[in-house]
Each structure stands twice: as structure tokens, then as C-alpha cells.
Amino acid sequence: MIRFDFETYVKPFINQERFNYYYAKKEFYIDKLTNSNMIGWTKPVLKETINDIKKTAKYIKNNFECMVVIGIGGSFLGSHAFHEIFKKYFNDESFEIIYAGTTLSSKYLEELIIYLKEKNFCLNVISKSGTTIETNITYSEIKKLLKRKYPKEEIQKRIFITTNKETGNLNEEVKKNNYKSFEFPKDIGGRFSFITSAHLLPLALNYDIEKIIDGYYDGKRLINRALEYAIIRKLLFEKGKLIESFCVFEQNMQGLTEWIKQLFGETEGKKGVGIYPTSCVYTKDLHSLGQFIQEGNKIIFETFIKIENVNNFINYKNKSLQEINNIILDSTMSAHFKGSVPCIEISIEKLNLETVSTLIYFFMLSAAFSGFLFEVDPFNQPGVEIYKQEFMESLNKLGDI
């Protein structure tokens, strides 16, 4: 169960007439979504795809110690968020997954290769285009290690590629070496790809992906709430609230806020408009950013993600620590509201595979509607390509890598 409070700490900041104006156009926004050619993420996953993923995951678990997932941005942030939420903080016994390809730090990559030297590992390389520079460099360097350790026929069993089925370097790799591959659908962009093999294969190593899929599609029932949230965000933007901080009170949910930031940042940030997404992990950040949010420049609003019930092992002065944590959450919203900071609350009754998946679908619907409200294409990301072009031009001046 997911509950939404769009009133208590936000209603005084909202012009109701403007809200009604946008909400009256609900069918228009739904039609725009329905008629888009990039909504594969709203369609059912094929049973044969699910079975293929589960079969491959079983093979990986039976034959390897760990899997290195090489991707960046939308290609991995969703499964990484789940990994962070549900693994144990210490002495985790789940199948080891290492998320790489997110940095060009030579120190990180060198230490990763040293770590993998003694590991029986496999690779899952994820890139829709097959041209992502961070992914390609990381893949190239780790594949060199595989070549030093194993013969060609053994390497073939250890590389799994998720990419498009038509073009790109990775597609050529699959054809040339007969690697096991999964399709990155053409009608799904990276940040909307949670329900594809890009995320479901890593998730299948530790979790019941059918529960994840069921929870995900349960999010369809929240379409009205998703539009309400998108409209409220737009109205706050019109009032000069230019930054949205996604706030959590559980350290293991930071990965989810990273996924949310990318989702809204790439979806809205075009043509000089959009809300800047950031995040806070409270109570830690109350002692670093709390002063600014309470009394600083009033360009921020907050969206709090609250977990109502958490397994509790600690009591303090006749109160459970979970109860104290949520009392502080409620007190923070009240205090920030009094400091002219609008606060939206999204409450999850219990953190499990289904509820997190439902929340992911809700946010993706909201992001799509937000793009329409800002009159930008929610499914492209032209700005992301500019740094790549600058990089290639600089590289060409220096010669080959």
C-alpha cells in the first residue's frame, strides 16, 4: 500500500484554479502518453523473456561467484537501487553483484581488476546504443583479464550482453562471438528501462522477478495520482520552487533517490526549463543542509518517502527506533513547512519487492506527465550527447586512445 499526502504541507503553495486547469486536461496528457512511440515500458513483459532471464540467472548462480554489471545511468540504476535496498549492510549472503562502468577513474578500475583476478566471475554488459564510452572502456579492460585467465570457449560462457538487436558495437560482439544476449527494446529509453532485461537479469540473481513485475504493473492504477504529483511539481516551479529534494530516512534508499534524480533530470531538463532534482538522506543531512533548507533561499521543495513499518530491533526510552525515526520525519516536514518549504509525502506501508516496483512505475508515469506539462519530449535526452561529441572531437585531435 502506497499513500500520498499532497495537501498537509503543500496546499497553501498551490493555486487551485491553476491545478484544476491542468487536471481538466487529463485525457489530453494520457492521449499524448498513449500515442508516444516510446512507451514499451507500459506493455507486458513476454513470458518467454521472463523464462529466459530466470534460466540464465540460474546458470550464472550455479557456475560463478559473482557477476560484474557494466552499464551507466538508466541501464543499471534501477536494479542497483533494489540491490542497495534489500541487501544486508554487513555480511550480506546474497549472490555478489558488482556495478561497474560508472566512472573512468583509473584507480577504481585497476582495483576492480585486481579484485577480480581471484574471482570466478561473469560479465553482463548493458548499453542500448553500444557506443557508451564509459561502458566500452570498462568492458574492454575487464575482457583483457578474461582473456588472460581463460580460453576463448570459456570466455564465451562468461559474457552476457544486453543491447539493441540491430546496430552498434555490442551487437557486432554478439554476432561475432555468439555471446548470450538480451534485447534492449527500441521503444524504451534507458531511464524507463526498469522492466527490461537490463534490470531484470541482475535482479533475478537474488529476487523473485515475477513479484517485481507484478508490483511494477500495479503502479498503473496510480495514473491519476501520478498526474496530480506532476501538476503540483509544475505549480511549485511556477512559484519559484526550482529544486526538488527527494528525502529518505533509511540509508539503504539512497540508491533509489539516485534513480529518481536521473529519471526527472533527463526527462525535464530541456529548453531552459525543468526542476533540478537532488536528494537528502536524513537524519544525516539535517546536520549539514538542514539550516539552508529551513532558513536559506526558498527555491527548494521536498518530496519525502516514508516507510511506515520497518523490522525493528532497537528500542530507546520505551520507543522503537523506527517510531523515533518517523517522528523526526514528521517533525522535519512540519518545521520545513513553517520555513516556507513545501513538503510532499509519499508513504509506503512496508518496504518489499512489490511496493518498491509500484513506486518506480508511479515515478515514471509522473516524469512522463511532467515532460508534457513542461512542453518538452519526456523520452529524449539530446543534451547528454553534447559532452560525448565534445569528447570525440578532443580525442580526434589527440589521435587514437
Foldseek 3Di string as FASTA:
>chain_A
DKDWDCPDLQPVLFDVVLLCVLLVCVVVLVVVQVPDLQVPLLDDDDPVQVVVLLVLLVVQVVQFQEEEEADEFLLELLLVLVVLQPADPPPGDARHYHYFLHDPDPVVLVVVLVVCLPTRYAYEQEDAAQPPPSSVVSVVVNVVSVVVVDDLVVNLSRYEYEYACPDYDVNVVCVVSVHHYFYDDPSHFSLSRCLGSSNSNVCSNGDDVVLLSVLQNVLVVCLSVLLSVLSSVVSLVVVQQQEEEEEEADPSNVSVLVSLQSLQCQQAPPPPDGHRYHYDHPPVCCVPCVVCLQANDANYAYEYEAEQDDDFDDDDPNHTVNVVSVVVVVVSSVRSSVSVHRYIYMYDDHDDSSNVSSVSNSSNSNSCSNSVVSPHHRRDRVVVCVVVVVVVVVCVVVDHD
